[in-house]
Amino acid sequence: MEQMILYFDTAHAIEVHDWIIEHTGGRSGILDIGLLDSALQHIQNDDYYPTFEEKLAHLVFAINKFHAFNDGNKRSSVTLGAYFLMLNGYDYCVPRFLIDLENIVVAIADNQVSKDLLQMLITSLIAEDDYSDELKLRLLDALGGL
């Protein structure tokens, strides 16, 4: 039996973003609510994103890259990704997710880490595996270290 995936709505995403801005600084407000709605609706489409890992990768990537908010898009992408994990019973990997994604989201914003690479990292992280040597090399190469 397939696990039912739980989602959150745009209003919750905005509340989380507003909390982040209030506590860490930055410009409040939404630049384009349609872009936020789009990201949250797309992850519910099993034809496009059939697995939880694909949904989570798209959520983080889209919040980061679409710039729906005036500020705090990277911070919001990590926080909303962590919330999506917790909402669906993946609490065990949230601490590592927060630590690992802190720098990854900067690399996503700088076009160094692709959505495909992000999904590979998330899949490995959820499986509680250390990243494989191949995945570490791909990440290092993406970050310009090779």
N, C-alpha and C. Protein backbone atom coordinates (compact mmCIF):
# COMPACT_ATOMS: atom_id res chain seq x y z
N MET A 1 0.83 -1.18 0.00
CA MET A 1 0.00 0.00 0.00
C MET A 1 0.88 1.25 0.00
N GLU A 2 0.57 2.19 -0.88
CA GLU A 2 1.35 3.42 -0.99
C GLU A 2 1.07 4.34 0.18
N GLN A 3 2.11 5.03 0.62
CA GLN A 3 1.97 6.01 1.67
C GLN A 3 1.26 7.25 1.11
N MET A 4 0.26 7.74 1.84
CA MET A 4 -0.41 8.96 1.43
C MET A 4 0.49 10.15 1.80
N ILE A 5 0.73 11.00 0.82
CA ILE A 5 1.60 12.15 1.04
C ILE A 5 0.73 13.33 1.48
N LEU A 6 1.18 13.99 2.54
CA LEU A 6 0.49 15.17 3.06
C LEU A 6 1.16 16.43 2.52
N TYR A 7 0.35 17.44 2.25
CA TYR A 7 0.83 18.69 1.68
C TYR A 7 0.41 19.86 2.57
N PHE A 8 0.98 21.02 2.32
CA PHE A 8 0.55 22.23 3.00
C PHE A 8 0.14 23.25 1.94
N ASP A 9 -0.59 24.25 2.37
CA ASP A 9 -1.12 25.22 1.42
C ASP A 9 -0.28 26.50 1.36
N THR A 10 -0.68 27.36 0.46
CA THR A 10 0.03 28.62 0.24
C THR A 10 0.01 29.50 1.50
N ALA A 11 -1.12 29.53 2.19
CA ALA A 11 -1.22 30.34 3.40
C ALA A 11 -0.18 29.91 4.43
N HIS A 12 0.01 28.60 4.59
CA HIS A 12 1.02 28.11 5.54
C HIS A 12 2.43 28.50 5.09
N ALA A 13 2.69 28.37 3.80
CA ALA A 13 4.01 28.74 3.27
C ALA A 13 4.30 30.22 3.55
N ILE A 14 3.30 31.05 3.39
CA ILE A 14 3.48 32.48 3.66
C ILE A 14 3.72 32.73 5.14
N GLU A 15 2.99 32.03 6.00
CA GLU A 15 3.20 32.17 7.44
C GLU A 15 4.63 31.78 7.83
N VAL A 16 5.11 30.69 7.28
CA VAL A 16 6.48 30.24 7.56
C VAL A 16 7.47 31.29 7.08
N HIS A 17 7.28 31.77 5.87
CA HIS A 17 8.17 32.79 5.32
C HIS A 17 8.17 34.05 6.20
N ASP A 18 6.98 34.50 6.59
CA ASP A 18 6.89 35.70 7.43
C ASP A 18 7.62 35.50 8.76
N TRP A 19 7.51 34.30 9.32
CA TRP A 19 8.21 34.00 10.58
C TRP A 19 9.73 34.07 10.37
N ILE A 20 10.19 33.51 9.27
CA ILE A 20 11.62 33.53 8.95
C ILE A 20 12.12 34.97 8.85
N ILE A 21 11.42 35.80 8.12
CA ILE A 21 11.82 37.20 7.93
C ILE A 21 11.80 37.94 9.27
N GLU A 22 10.76 37.69 10.06
CA GLU A 22 10.66 38.36 11.37
C GLU A 22 11.83 38.01 12.28
N HIS A 23 12.29 36.76 12.21
CA HIS A 23 13.32 36.29 13.13
C HIS A 23 14.75 36.36 12.59
N THR A 24 14.89 36.47 11.27
CA THR A 24 16.25 36.49 10.72
C THR A 24 16.54 37.72 9.88
N GLY A 25 15.54 38.54 9.65
CA GLY A 25 15.73 39.77 8.90
C GLY A 25 15.46 39.63 7.42
N GLY A 26 15.34 40.76 6.78
CA GLY A 26 15.09 40.79 5.35
C GLY A 26 13.81 41.54 5.03
N ARG A 27 13.54 41.64 3.74
CA ARG A 27 12.34 42.34 3.28
C ARG A 27 11.16 41.38 3.28
N SER A 28 10.09 41.78 3.93
CA SER A 28 8.89 40.94 3.96
C SER A 28 8.10 41.12 2.67
N GLY A 29 7.13 40.27 2.48
CA GLY A 29 6.21 40.40 1.37
C GLY A 29 6.42 39.39 0.26
N ILE A 30 5.38 39.31 -0.55
CA ILE A 30 5.37 38.36 -1.67
C ILE A 30 5.55 39.13 -2.96
N LEU A 31 6.41 38.63 -3.79
CA LEU A 31 6.68 39.22 -5.09
C LEU A 31 5.65 38.73 -6.11
N ASP A 32 5.36 37.40 -6.08
CA ASP A 32 4.41 36.81 -7.03
C ASP A 32 3.79 35.57 -6.41
N ILE A 33 2.58 35.70 -5.89
CA ILE A 33 1.91 34.58 -5.22
C ILE A 33 1.62 33.44 -6.20
N GLY A 34 1.45 33.76 -7.47
CA GLY A 34 1.20 32.74 -8.49
C GLY A 34 2.36 31.76 -8.60
N LEU A 35 3.58 32.25 -8.46
CA LEU A 35 4.75 31.38 -8.51
C LEU A 35 4.80 30.44 -7.31
N LEU A 36 4.40 30.94 -6.15
CA LEU A 36 4.33 30.11 -4.95
C LEU A 36 3.24 29.06 -5.10
N ASP A 37 2.06 29.49 -5.53
CA ASP A 37 0.95 28.55 -5.77
C ASP A 37 1.36 27.46 -6.75
N SER A 38 2.03 27.86 -7.80
CA SER A 38 2.47 26.92 -8.83
C SER A 38 3.36 25.83 -8.25
N ALA A 39 4.35 26.23 -7.47
CA ALA A 39 5.27 25.25 -6.88
C ALA A 39 4.52 24.27 -5.98
N LEU A 40 3.61 24.79 -5.17
CA LEU A 40 2.88 23.93 -4.23
C LEU A 40 1.87 23.04 -4.93
N GLN A 41 1.31 23.49 -6.03
CA GLN A 41 0.37 22.66 -6.78
C GLN A 41 1.10 21.59 -7.60
N HIS A 42 2.22 21.95 -8.19
CA HIS A 42 2.95 21.00 -9.03
C HIS A 42 3.40 19.76 -8.25
N ILE A 43 3.82 19.94 -7.00
CA ILE A 43 4.30 18.77 -6.25
C ILE A 43 3.18 17.78 -5.95
N GLN A 44 1.94 18.21 -6.10
CA GLN A 44 0.82 17.31 -5.88
C GLN A 44 0.46 16.50 -7.12
N ASN A 45 1.11 16.78 -8.23
CA ASN A 45 0.85 16.08 -9.48
C ASN A 45 1.76 14.86 -9.58
N ASP A 46 1.17 13.69 -9.37
CA ASP A 46 1.94 12.45 -9.39
C ASP A 46 2.47 12.08 -10.77
N ASP A 47 1.88 12.64 -11.83
CA ASP A 47 2.40 12.38 -13.17
C ASP A 47 3.77 13.06 -13.36
N TYR A 48 3.91 14.25 -12.83
CA TYR A 48 5.18 14.97 -12.94
C TYR A 48 6.17 14.55 -11.87
N TYR A 49 5.68 14.36 -10.66
CA TYR A 49 6.54 14.06 -9.52
C TYR A 49 5.98 12.85 -8.76
N PRO A 50 6.26 11.64 -9.26
CA PRO A 50 5.64 10.45 -8.69
C PRO A 50 6.17 10.03 -7.32
N THR A 51 7.40 10.40 -6.98
CA THR A 51 7.96 9.96 -5.71
C THR A 51 8.04 11.13 -4.73
N PHE A 52 8.11 10.79 -3.46
CA PHE A 52 8.26 11.83 -2.44
C PHE A 52 9.54 12.62 -2.66
N GLU A 53 10.62 11.93 -3.00
CA GLU A 53 11.90 12.60 -3.22
C GLU A 53 11.83 13.61 -4.36
N GLU A 54 11.12 13.25 -5.44
CA GLU A 54 10.96 14.17 -6.56
C GLU A 54 10.13 15.39 -6.16
N LYS A 55 9.09 15.15 -5.37
CA LYS A 55 8.25 16.24 -4.88
C LYS A 55 9.06 17.20 -4.00
N LEU A 56 9.82 16.64 -3.07
CA LEU A 56 10.63 17.45 -2.17
C LEU A 56 11.69 18.24 -2.95
N ALA A 57 12.34 17.60 -3.90
CA ALA A 57 13.36 18.29 -4.70
C ALA A 57 12.73 19.45 -5.48
N HIS A 58 11.57 19.21 -6.06
CA HIS A 58 10.91 20.30 -6.80
C HIS A 58 10.50 21.42 -5.86
N LEU A 59 9.98 21.09 -4.70
CA LEU A 59 9.58 22.09 -3.73
C LEU A 59 10.75 23.00 -3.37
N VAL A 60 11.86 22.41 -2.98
CA VAL A 60 13.04 23.18 -2.57
C VAL A 60 13.56 24.00 -3.75
N PHE A 61 13.68 23.36 -4.90
CA PHE A 61 14.23 24.03 -6.08
C PHE A 61 13.33 25.19 -6.51
N ALA A 62 12.03 24.95 -6.57
CA ALA A 62 11.10 25.97 -7.06
C ALA A 62 11.00 27.16 -6.11
N ILE A 63 10.93 26.90 -4.81
CA ILE A 63 10.87 28.01 -3.85
C ILE A 63 12.16 28.84 -3.96
N ASN A 64 13.26 28.16 -4.13
CA ASN A 64 14.55 28.83 -4.25
C ASN A 64 14.62 29.66 -5.54
N LYS A 65 14.28 29.08 -6.67
CA LYS A 65 14.53 29.69 -7.98
C LYS A 65 13.41 30.59 -8.49
N PHE A 66 12.15 30.33 -8.09
CA PHE A 66 11.04 31.13 -8.63
C PHE A 66 10.99 32.53 -8.05
N HIS A 67 11.58 32.72 -6.87
CA HIS A 67 11.59 34.03 -6.21
C HIS A 67 10.19 34.60 -6.02
N ALA A 68 9.33 33.79 -5.41
CA ALA A 68 7.97 34.25 -5.12
C ALA A 68 7.96 35.31 -4.02
N PHE A 69 8.96 35.29 -3.15
CA PHE A 69 9.04 36.23 -2.04
C PHE A 69 10.02 37.36 -2.36
N ASN A 70 9.84 38.49 -1.71
CA ASN A 70 10.75 39.62 -1.88
C ASN A 70 12.16 39.28 -1.39
N ASP A 71 12.24 38.46 -0.35
CA ASP A 71 13.52 38.11 0.26
C ASP A 71 13.34 36.79 0.99
N GLY A 72 14.44 36.12 1.29
CA GLY A 72 14.37 34.90 2.09
C GLY A 72 13.95 33.66 1.33
N ASN A 73 14.07 33.67 0.01
CA ASN A 73 13.66 32.51 -0.78
C ASN A 73 14.49 31.27 -0.47
N LYS A 74 15.80 31.43 -0.30
CA LYS A 74 16.64 30.28 0.02
C LYS A 74 16.30 29.74 1.41
N ARG A 75 16.19 30.63 2.37
CA ARG A 75 15.83 30.20 3.74
C ARG A 75 14.46 29.53 3.75
N SER A 76 13.52 30.10 3.02
CA SER A 76 12.18 29.52 2.96
C SER A 76 12.18 28.15 2.29
N SER A 77 13.02 27.98 1.27
CA SER A 77 13.06 26.69 0.57
C SER A 77 13.53 25.58 1.50
N VAL A 78 14.53 25.87 2.33
CA VAL A 78 15.03 24.87 3.28
C VAL A 78 13.99 24.60 4.37
N THR A 79 13.42 25.65 4.92
CA THR A 79 12.47 25.50 6.02
C THR A 79 11.20 24.79 5.56
N LEU A 80 10.69 25.15 4.40
CA LEU A 80 9.48 24.49 3.90
C LEU A 80 9.79 23.04 3.50
N GLY A 81 10.99 22.79 3.00
CA GLY A 81 11.39 21.41 2.72
C GLY A 81 11.45 20.58 3.99
N ALA A 82 12.01 21.14 5.06
CA ALA A 82 12.07 20.45 6.35
C ALA A 82 10.67 20.19 6.89
N TYR A 83 9.78 21.16 6.73
CA TYR A 83 8.40 20.98 7.19
C TYR A 83 7.71 19.87 6.40
N PHE A 84 7.93 19.82 5.10
CA PHE A 84 7.35 18.78 4.25
C PHE A 84 7.85 17.40 4.69
N LEU A 85 9.13 17.31 5.03
CA LEU A 85 9.68 16.05 5.56
C LEU A 85 8.97 15.66 6.86
N MET A 86 8.86 16.59 7.80
CA MET A 86 8.23 16.29 9.09
C MET A 86 6.76 15.93 8.91
N LEU A 87 6.07 16.64 8.07
CA LEU A 87 4.65 16.40 7.82
C LEU A 87 4.41 14.98 7.33
N ASN A 88 5.40 14.41 6.66
CA ASN A 88 5.26 13.08 6.07
C ASN A 88 6.05 12.00 6.80
N GLY A 89 6.44 12.27 8.04
CA GLY A 89 7.05 11.24 8.87
C GLY A 89 8.53 11.01 8.70
N TYR A 90 9.22 11.93 8.07
CA TYR A 90 10.66 11.80 7.86
C TYR A 90 11.45 12.64 8.86
N ASP A 91 10.95 12.72 10.09
CA ASP A 91 11.57 13.55 11.12
C ASP A 91 13.04 13.22 11.34
N TYR A 92 13.37 11.94 11.21
CA TYR A 92 14.74 11.48 11.50
C TYR A 92 15.79 12.16 10.66
N CYS A 93 15.43 12.61 9.46
CA CYS A 93 16.46 13.19 8.59
C CYS A 93 16.41 14.71 8.54
N VAL A 94 15.51 15.34 9.28
CA VAL A 94 15.40 16.79 9.25
C VAL A 94 16.67 17.49 9.74
N PRO A 95 17.29 17.07 10.85
CA PRO A 95 18.53 17.78 11.26
C PRO A 95 19.61 17.76 10.18
N ARG A 96 19.82 16.62 9.58
CA ARG A 96 20.84 16.53 8.52
C ARG A 96 20.41 17.34 7.29
N PHE A 97 19.13 17.29 6.96
CA PHE A 97 18.58 18.06 5.84
C PHE A 97 18.90 19.55 6.03
N LEU A 98 18.62 20.06 7.22
CA LEU A 98 18.86 21.48 7.50
C LEU A 98 20.33 21.84 7.36
N ILE A 99 21.21 20.99 7.87
CA ILE A 99 22.65 21.25 7.80
C ILE A 99 23.15 21.15 6.36
N ASP A 100 22.80 20.05 5.69
CA ASP A 100 23.31 19.83 4.33
C ASP A 100 22.78 20.85 3.33
N LEU A 101 21.51 21.21 3.48
CA LEU A 101 20.90 22.10 2.49
C LEU A 101 21.27 23.57 2.69
N GLU A 102 21.82 23.90 3.84
CA GLU A 102 22.17 25.30 4.11
C GLU A 102 23.07 25.88 3.02
N ASN A 103 24.06 25.12 2.61
CA ASN A 103 24.96 25.60 1.55
C ASN A 103 24.49 25.19 0.16
N ILE A 104 23.79 24.08 0.07
CA ILE A 104 23.30 23.61 -1.23
C ILE A 104 22.35 24.63 -1.85
N VAL A 105 21.47 25.25 -1.03
CA VAL A 105 20.51 26.21 -1.60
C VAL A 105 21.22 27.44 -2.17
N VAL A 106 22.35 27.79 -1.61
CA VAL A 106 23.13 28.90 -2.18
C VAL A 106 23.66 28.48 -3.55
N ALA A 107 24.13 27.25 -3.65
CA ALA A 107 24.64 26.73 -4.93
C ALA A 107 23.52 26.58 -5.95
N ILE A 108 22.33 26.26 -5.50
CA ILE A 108 21.17 26.20 -6.41
C ILE A 108 20.90 27.60 -6.96
N ALA A 109 20.86 28.58 -6.08
CA ALA A 109 20.59 29.96 -6.50
C ALA A 109 21.66 30.46 -7.47
N ASP A 110 22.90 29.98 -7.30
CA ASP A 110 24.01 30.38 -8.17
C ASP A 110 24.13 29.50 -9.42
N ASN A 111 23.13 28.66 -9.67
CA ASN A 111 23.09 27.77 -10.85
C ASN A 111 24.23 26.77 -10.88
N GLN A 112 24.75 26.39 -9.73
CA GLN A 112 25.81 25.39 -9.66
C GLN A 112 25.23 23.99 -9.44
N VAL A 113 24.14 23.90 -8.68
CA VAL A 113 23.51 22.61 -8.39
C VAL A 113 22.19 22.56 -9.14
N SER A 114 22.04 21.53 -9.98
CA SER A 114 20.82 21.34 -10.77
C SER A 114 19.75 20.67 -9.93
N LYS A 115 18.54 20.68 -10.45
CA LYS A 115 17.44 19.99 -9.77
C LYS A 115 17.71 18.49 -9.71
N ASP A 116 18.29 17.93 -10.75
CA ASP A 116 18.61 16.50 -10.76
C ASP A 116 19.62 16.14 -9.67
N LEU A 117 20.65 16.95 -9.53
CA LEU A 117 21.64 16.70 -8.49
C LEU A 117 21.01 16.88 -7.11
N LEU A 118 20.19 17.89 -6.94
CA LEU A 118 19.47 18.09 -5.68
C LEU A 118 18.64 16.86 -5.34
N GLN A 119 17.95 16.32 -6.32
CA GLN A 119 17.12 15.14 -6.07
C GLN A 119 17.98 13.94 -5.65
N MET A 120 19.14 13.78 -6.27
CA MET A 120 20.03 12.68 -5.87
C MET A 120 20.49 12.86 -4.42
N LEU A 121 20.82 14.08 -4.05
CA LEU A 121 21.25 14.37 -2.68
C LEU A 121 20.12 14.09 -1.69
N ILE A 122 18.92 14.52 -2.02
CA ILE A 122 17.76 14.30 -1.15
C ILE A 122 17.45 12.82 -1.03
N THR A 123 17.50 12.10 -2.12
CA THR A 123 17.24 10.65 -2.09
C THR A 123 18.23 9.95 -1.18
N SER A 124 19.49 10.30 -1.29
CA SER A 124 20.52 9.72 -0.43
C SER A 124 20.31 10.11 1.02
N LEU A 125 19.98 11.34 1.25
CA LEU A 125 19.76 11.84 2.61
C LEU A 125 18.59 11.12 3.28
N ILE A 126 17.50 10.92 2.57
CA ILE A 126 16.33 10.24 3.13
C ILE A 126 16.63 8.79 3.44
N ALA A 127 17.47 8.18 2.62
CA ALA A 127 17.83 6.77 2.84
C ALA A 127 18.79 6.60 4.01
N GLU A 128 19.21 7.70 4.62
CA GLU A 128 20.15 7.74 5.74
C GLU A 128 21.54 7.25 5.36
N ASP A 129 21.80 7.22 4.09
CA ASP A 129 23.12 6.82 3.62
C ASP A 129 24.02 8.04 3.64
N ASP A 130 25.31 7.77 3.85
CA ASP A 130 26.26 8.82 3.56
C ASP A 130 26.26 8.93 2.04
N TYR A 131 26.52 10.09 1.53
CA TYR A 131 26.56 10.22 0.08
C TYR A 131 27.61 9.28 -0.47
N SER A 132 27.28 8.64 -1.59
CA SER A 132 28.24 7.75 -2.23
C SER A 132 29.43 8.58 -2.72
N ASP A 133 30.53 7.92 -2.95
CA ASP A 133 31.70 8.62 -3.48
C ASP A 133 31.38 9.28 -4.82
N GLU A 134 30.60 8.59 -5.65
CA GLU A 134 30.22 9.15 -6.96
C GLU A 134 29.39 10.42 -6.78
N LEU A 135 28.46 10.39 -5.83
CA LEU A 135 27.62 11.57 -5.59
C LEU A 135 28.46 12.72 -5.01
N LYS A 136 29.37 12.39 -4.12
CA LYS A 136 30.27 13.42 -3.57
C LYS A 136 31.09 14.07 -4.69
N LEU A 137 31.58 13.26 -5.62
CA LEU A 137 32.36 13.80 -6.74
C LEU A 137 31.51 14.67 -7.65
N ARG A 138 30.26 14.25 -7.87
CA ARG A 138 29.36 15.07 -8.69
C ARG A 138 29.09 16.43 -8.04
N LEU A 139 28.90 16.41 -6.72
CA LEU A 139 28.67 17.65 -6.00
C LEU A 139 29.91 18.53 -6.02
N LEU A 140 31.06 17.94 -5.79
CA LEU A 140 32.32 18.68 -5.83
C LEU A 140 32.55 19.29 -7.21
N ASP A 141 32.26 18.54 -8.25
CA ASP A 141 32.40 19.03 -9.62
C ASP A 141 31.43 20.19 -9.87
N ALA A 142 30.19 20.05 -9.40
CA ALA A 142 29.19 21.10 -9.59
C ALA A 142 29.61 22.39 -8.87
N LEU A 143 30.27 22.24 -7.75
CA LEU A 143 30.69 23.41 -6.98
C LEU A 143 32.02 23.97 -7.45
N GLY A 144 32.58 23.39 -8.51
CA GLY A 144 33.81 23.91 -9.09
C GLY A 144 35.07 23.44 -8.40
N GLY A 145 34.96 22.34 -7.66
CA GLY A 145 36.12 21.85 -6.90
C GLY A 145 36.95 20.85 -7.66
N LEU A 146 36.55 20.46 -8.83
CA LEU A 146 37.35 19.49 -9.60
C LEU A 146 38.00 20.15 -10.77
